[in-house]
Amino acid sequence: MSEIVTSPRTKAKAKTEKPRLYKVILLNDDYTPREFVVKVLMAVFHMSEDEAYRVMMAAHQLGACVVAVFTRDVAETKATEATEEGRRKGYPLMFTTEPEQ
């Protein structure tokens, strides 16, 4: 009689990693009006007026400020949208993204 060798099937579980997060950073400039920056923060990042003012002032005093943290696609989309708002009005308003540590 022939011997049949069977081995147990192993189930491979896929490990899903949490997506890496990215910071959206507001860079200070000396030309964009503060009121405009507050309006952009409220429109693009859905901040209250007080919160947007605090973020704008932090960037003004420190040179840059983290606005929010998102997944890469969302962070890049929001940074681009906010930067383009400034460009449309002729201001050098700039938002960037970088990986969170």
N, C-alpha and C. Protein backbone atom coordinates (compact mmCIF):
# COMPACT_ATOMS: atom_id res chain seq x y z
N MET A 1 0.83 -1.17 0.00
CA MET A 1 0.00 0.00 0.00
C MET A 1 0.88 1.25 0.00
N SER A 2 0.50 2.25 -0.84
CA SER A 2 1.31 3.47 -0.91
C SER A 2 0.95 4.39 0.25
N GLU A 3 1.97 5.04 0.69
CA GLU A 3 1.78 5.93 1.83
C GLU A 3 1.54 7.36 1.33
N ILE A 4 0.45 7.96 1.75
CA ILE A 4 0.12 9.34 1.35
C ILE A 4 0.48 10.24 2.52
N VAL A 5 1.34 11.20 2.21
CA VAL A 5 1.75 12.14 3.23
C VAL A 5 1.02 13.45 2.98
N THR A 6 0.33 13.87 3.97
CA THR A 6 -0.36 15.17 3.85
C THR A 6 0.17 16.09 4.92
N SER A 7 0.34 17.32 4.54
CA SER A 7 0.78 18.29 5.53
C SER A 7 -0.36 19.28 5.76
N PRO A 8 -0.43 19.78 6.96
CA PRO A 8 -1.54 20.70 7.25
C PRO A 8 -1.37 22.00 6.46
N ARG A 9 -2.47 22.52 6.05
CA ARG A 9 -2.44 23.79 5.33
C ARG A 9 -2.23 24.92 6.32
N THR A 10 -1.37 25.81 5.95
CA THR A 10 -1.16 26.97 6.81
C THR A 10 -1.89 28.15 6.20
N LYS A 11 -2.50 28.88 7.04
CA LYS A 11 -3.21 30.07 6.57
C LYS A 11 -2.32 31.27 6.78
N ALA A 12 -2.07 31.95 5.70
CA ALA A 12 -1.24 33.15 5.78
C ALA A 12 -2.15 34.35 6.05
N LYS A 13 -1.84 35.03 7.11
CA LYS A 13 -2.60 36.24 7.42
C LYS A 13 -1.82 37.44 6.92
N ALA A 14 -2.50 38.24 6.15
CA ALA A 14 -1.86 39.45 5.64
C ALA A 14 -1.80 40.48 6.77
N LYS A 15 -0.63 41.02 6.95
CA LYS A 15 -0.48 42.06 7.96
C LYS A 15 -0.73 43.40 7.29
N THR A 16 -1.71 44.09 7.79
CA THR A 16 -1.98 45.41 7.24
C THR A 16 -1.38 46.43 8.19
N GLU A 17 -0.57 47.27 7.61
CA GLU A 17 0.06 48.31 8.41
C GLU A 17 -0.78 49.57 8.32
N LYS A 18 -0.72 50.34 9.39
CA LYS A 18 -1.39 51.62 9.36
C LYS A 18 -0.65 52.51 8.38
N PRO A 19 -1.39 53.30 7.62
CA PRO A 19 -0.70 54.18 6.66
C PRO A 19 0.15 55.21 7.40
N ARG A 20 1.27 55.55 6.81
CA ARG A 20 2.16 56.54 7.40
C ARG A 20 1.47 57.90 7.35
N LEU A 21 1.63 58.67 8.40
CA LEU A 21 0.99 59.97 8.48
C LEU A 21 1.96 61.08 8.06
N TYR A 22 1.37 62.13 7.51
CA TYR A 22 2.15 63.28 7.05
C TYR A 22 1.61 64.56 7.68
N LYS A 23 2.55 65.46 8.00
CA LYS A 23 2.19 66.76 8.58
C LYS A 23 2.01 67.76 7.45
N VAL A 24 0.97 68.59 7.58
CA VAL A 24 0.81 69.73 6.69
C VAL A 24 1.38 70.92 7.44
N ILE A 25 2.32 71.63 6.83
CA ILE A 25 3.03 72.71 7.50
C ILE A 25 2.76 74.03 6.78
N LEU A 26 2.39 75.04 7.55
CA LEU A 26 2.21 76.40 7.04
C LEU A 26 3.52 77.14 7.21
N LEU A 27 4.04 77.70 6.10
CA LEU A 27 5.27 78.47 6.15
C LEU A 27 4.93 79.96 6.19
N ASN A 28 5.61 80.68 7.04
CA ASN A 28 5.36 82.11 7.16
C ASN A 28 5.98 82.86 5.99
N ASP A 29 5.30 83.91 5.56
CA ASP A 29 5.87 84.85 4.61
C ASP A 29 5.47 86.26 5.05
N ASP A 30 6.14 87.25 4.54
CA ASP A 30 5.90 88.62 4.98
C ASP A 30 4.90 89.37 4.10
N TYR A 31 4.26 88.70 3.17
CA TYR A 31 3.40 89.39 2.20
C TYR A 31 1.93 88.99 2.27
N THR A 32 1.63 87.76 2.61
CA THR A 32 0.24 87.32 2.65
C THR A 32 -0.45 87.91 3.88
N PRO A 33 -1.59 88.59 3.68
CA PRO A 33 -2.30 89.17 4.83
C PRO A 33 -2.76 88.10 5.81
N ARG A 34 -2.68 88.41 7.07
CA ARG A 34 -3.06 87.47 8.12
C ARG A 34 -4.51 87.04 7.98
N GLU A 35 -5.37 87.98 7.64
CA GLU A 35 -6.80 87.67 7.51
C GLU A 35 -7.04 86.63 6.41
N PHE A 36 -6.26 86.74 5.34
CA PHE A 36 -6.40 85.79 4.24
C PHE A 36 -5.96 84.39 4.68
N VAL A 37 -4.86 84.32 5.41
CA VAL A 37 -4.37 83.03 5.90
C VAL A 37 -5.43 82.38 6.79
N VAL A 38 -6.05 83.16 7.66
CA VAL A 38 -7.10 82.64 8.54
C VAL A 38 -8.26 82.10 7.71
N LYS A 39 -8.65 82.82 6.67
CA LYS A 39 -9.76 82.37 5.80
C LYS A 39 -9.41 81.05 5.11
N VAL A 40 -8.17 80.93 4.63
CA VAL A 40 -7.75 79.69 3.96
C VAL A 40 -7.76 78.52 4.94
N LEU A 41 -7.25 78.74 6.14
CA LEU A 41 -7.24 77.67 7.15
C LEU A 41 -8.66 77.23 7.50
N MET A 42 -9.56 78.19 7.59
CA MET A 42 -10.96 77.86 7.90
C MET A 42 -11.60 77.08 6.74
N ALA A 43 -11.33 77.50 5.51
CA ALA A 43 -11.97 76.88 4.34
C ALA A 43 -11.40 75.50 4.04
N VAL A 44 -10.08 75.37 4.02
CA VAL A 44 -9.45 74.12 3.59
C VAL A 44 -9.37 73.10 4.72
N PHE A 45 -9.06 73.58 5.94
CA PHE A 45 -8.85 72.66 7.06
C PHE A 45 -10.01 72.63 8.04
N HIS A 46 -11.08 73.33 7.72
CA HIS A 46 -12.31 73.34 8.52
C HIS A 46 -12.06 73.70 9.99
N MET A 47 -11.23 74.73 10.19
CA MET A 47 -10.94 75.20 11.54
C MET A 47 -11.92 76.30 11.94
N SER A 48 -12.07 76.47 13.24
CA SER A 48 -12.83 77.63 13.71
C SER A 48 -11.96 78.86 13.51
N GLU A 49 -12.56 80.03 13.60
CA GLU A 49 -11.79 81.26 13.41
C GLU A 49 -10.70 81.40 14.46
N ASP A 50 -11.02 81.07 15.72
CA ASP A 50 -10.02 81.17 16.79
C ASP A 50 -8.86 80.21 16.57
N GLU A 51 -9.18 78.99 16.20
CA GLU A 51 -8.14 77.99 15.97
C GLU A 51 -7.25 78.39 14.78
N ALA A 52 -7.87 78.87 13.71
CA ALA A 52 -7.12 79.31 12.54
C ALA A 52 -6.22 80.49 12.89
N TYR A 53 -6.71 81.40 13.70
CA TYR A 53 -5.90 82.55 14.12
C TYR A 53 -4.68 82.10 14.92
N ARG A 54 -4.88 81.14 15.83
CA ARG A 54 -3.76 80.64 16.64
C ARG A 54 -2.70 79.95 15.77
N VAL A 55 -3.13 79.16 14.79
CA VAL A 55 -2.19 78.49 13.89
C VAL A 55 -1.43 79.53 13.07
N MET A 56 -2.15 80.52 12.54
CA MET A 56 -1.51 81.57 11.75
C MET A 56 -0.49 82.33 12.58
N MET A 57 -0.82 82.67 13.82
CA MET A 57 0.11 83.40 14.68
C MET A 57 1.33 82.55 15.04
N ALA A 58 1.13 81.26 15.26
CA ALA A 58 2.26 80.37 15.56
C ALA A 58 3.23 80.35 14.37
N ALA A 59 2.69 80.25 13.16
CA ALA A 59 3.55 80.26 11.97
C ALA A 59 4.24 81.61 11.83
N HIS A 60 3.54 82.68 12.13
CA HIS A 60 4.11 84.02 12.04
C HIS A 60 5.28 84.19 13.02
N GLN A 61 5.10 83.71 14.23
CA GLN A 61 6.12 83.89 15.27
C GLN A 61 7.28 82.90 15.14
N LEU A 62 6.98 81.67 14.71
CA LEU A 62 8.01 80.62 14.67
C LEU A 62 8.59 80.39 13.28
N GLY A 63 7.96 80.93 12.26
CA GLY A 63 8.43 80.74 10.89
C GLY A 63 7.71 79.61 10.17
N ALA A 64 7.16 78.67 10.92
CA ALA A 64 6.39 77.56 10.35
C ALA A 64 5.57 76.93 11.47
N CYS A 65 4.50 76.26 11.09
CA CYS A 65 3.62 75.64 12.09
C CYS A 65 2.93 74.43 11.47
N VAL A 66 2.82 73.36 12.23
CA VAL A 66 2.07 72.19 11.78
C VAL A 66 0.59 72.52 11.86
N VAL A 67 -0.10 72.39 10.75
CA VAL A 67 -1.52 72.70 10.68
C VAL A 67 -2.34 71.49 11.08
N ALA A 68 -2.01 70.33 10.51
CA ALA A 68 -2.77 69.11 10.77
C ALA A 68 -1.95 67.91 10.31
N VAL A 69 -2.40 66.72 10.66
CA VAL A 69 -1.73 65.48 10.28
C VAL A 69 -2.76 64.57 9.60
N PHE A 70 -2.39 64.07 8.41
CA PHE A 70 -3.29 63.23 7.62
C PHE A 70 -2.48 62.11 6.98
N THR A 71 -3.19 61.22 6.29
CA THR A 71 -2.51 60.26 5.44
C THR A 71 -1.87 61.04 4.29
N ARG A 72 -0.95 60.43 3.59
CA ARG A 72 -0.16 61.15 2.58
C ARG A 72 -1.03 61.82 1.51
N ASP A 73 -1.97 61.09 0.95
CA ASP A 73 -2.80 61.64 -0.12
C ASP A 73 -3.60 62.84 0.35
N VAL A 74 -4.20 62.73 1.51
CA VAL A 74 -5.02 63.82 2.04
C VAL A 74 -4.14 65.03 2.36
N ALA A 75 -2.99 64.79 2.98
CA ALA A 75 -2.08 65.88 3.35
C ALA A 75 -1.62 66.63 2.11
N GLU A 76 -1.21 65.91 1.08
CA GLU A 76 -0.73 66.56 -0.14
C GLU A 76 -1.84 67.31 -0.86
N THR A 77 -3.04 66.74 -0.86
CA THR A 77 -4.17 67.40 -1.50
C THR A 77 -4.52 68.71 -0.80
N LYS A 78 -4.58 68.67 0.53
CA LYS A 78 -4.92 69.88 1.29
C LYS A 78 -3.83 70.93 1.19
N ALA A 79 -2.57 70.53 1.24
CA ALA A 79 -1.46 71.48 1.11
C ALA A 79 -1.50 72.15 -0.26
N THR A 80 -1.75 71.38 -1.30
CA THR A 80 -1.82 71.92 -2.65
C THR A 80 -3.01 72.87 -2.78
N GLU A 81 -4.15 72.46 -2.28
CA GLU A 81 -5.36 73.29 -2.35
C GLU A 81 -5.16 74.62 -1.65
N ALA A 82 -4.59 74.59 -0.45
CA ALA A 82 -4.37 75.82 0.32
C ALA A 82 -3.34 76.72 -0.35
N THR A 83 -2.27 76.14 -0.89
CA THR A 83 -1.25 76.92 -1.59
C THR A 83 -1.84 77.57 -2.84
N GLU A 84 -2.67 76.84 -3.56
CA GLU A 84 -3.29 77.38 -4.77
C GLU A 84 -4.27 78.50 -4.47
N GLU A 85 -4.92 78.45 -3.32
CA GLU A 85 -5.80 79.57 -2.91
C GLU A 85 -5.00 80.86 -2.86
N GLY A 86 -3.83 80.80 -2.28
CA GLY A 86 -2.97 81.97 -2.20
C GLY A 86 -2.50 82.42 -3.58
N ARG A 87 -2.12 81.47 -4.42
CA ARG A 87 -1.64 81.80 -5.77
C ARG A 87 -2.72 82.52 -6.58
N ARG A 88 -3.98 82.05 -6.41
CA ARG A 88 -5.08 82.67 -7.15
C ARG A 88 -5.24 84.15 -6.80
N LYS A 89 -4.91 84.50 -5.55
CA LYS A 89 -5.02 85.89 -5.11
C LYS A 89 -3.70 86.64 -5.27
N GLY A 90 -2.67 85.96 -5.76
CA GLY A 90 -1.39 86.61 -6.00
C GLY A 90 -0.48 86.67 -4.77
N TYR A 91 -0.73 85.81 -3.77
CA TYR A 91 0.08 85.79 -2.56
C TYR A 91 1.04 84.60 -2.58
N PRO A 92 2.20 84.75 -1.92
CA PRO A 92 3.16 83.64 -1.87
C PRO A 92 2.88 82.63 -0.74
N LEU A 93 1.64 82.50 -0.35
CA LEU A 93 1.24 81.57 0.71
C LEU A 93 1.72 80.17 0.36
N MET A 94 2.34 79.48 1.34
CA MET A 94 2.93 78.17 1.05
C MET A 94 2.65 77.17 2.17
N PHE A 95 2.14 76.02 1.76
CA PHE A 95 1.95 74.88 2.65
C PHE A 95 2.79 73.73 2.09
N THR A 96 3.43 72.98 2.97
CA THR A 96 4.22 71.82 2.55
C THR A 96 3.78 70.61 3.37
N THR A 97 4.32 69.46 3.00
CA THR A 97 4.05 68.24 3.77
C THR A 97 5.38 67.57 4.08
N GLU A 98 5.39 66.82 5.18
CA GLU A 98 6.56 65.99 5.50
C GLU A 98 6.09 64.85 6.37
N PRO A 99 6.78 63.72 6.31
CA PRO A 99 6.38 62.55 7.10
C PRO A 99 6.45 62.85 8.60
N GLU A 100 5.49 62.29 9.31
CA GLU A 100 5.50 62.43 10.76
C GLU A 100 6.45 61.37 11.32
N GLN A 101 7.17 61.71 12.37
CA GLN A 101 8.14 60.78 12.97
C GLN A 101 7.47 59.67 13.70
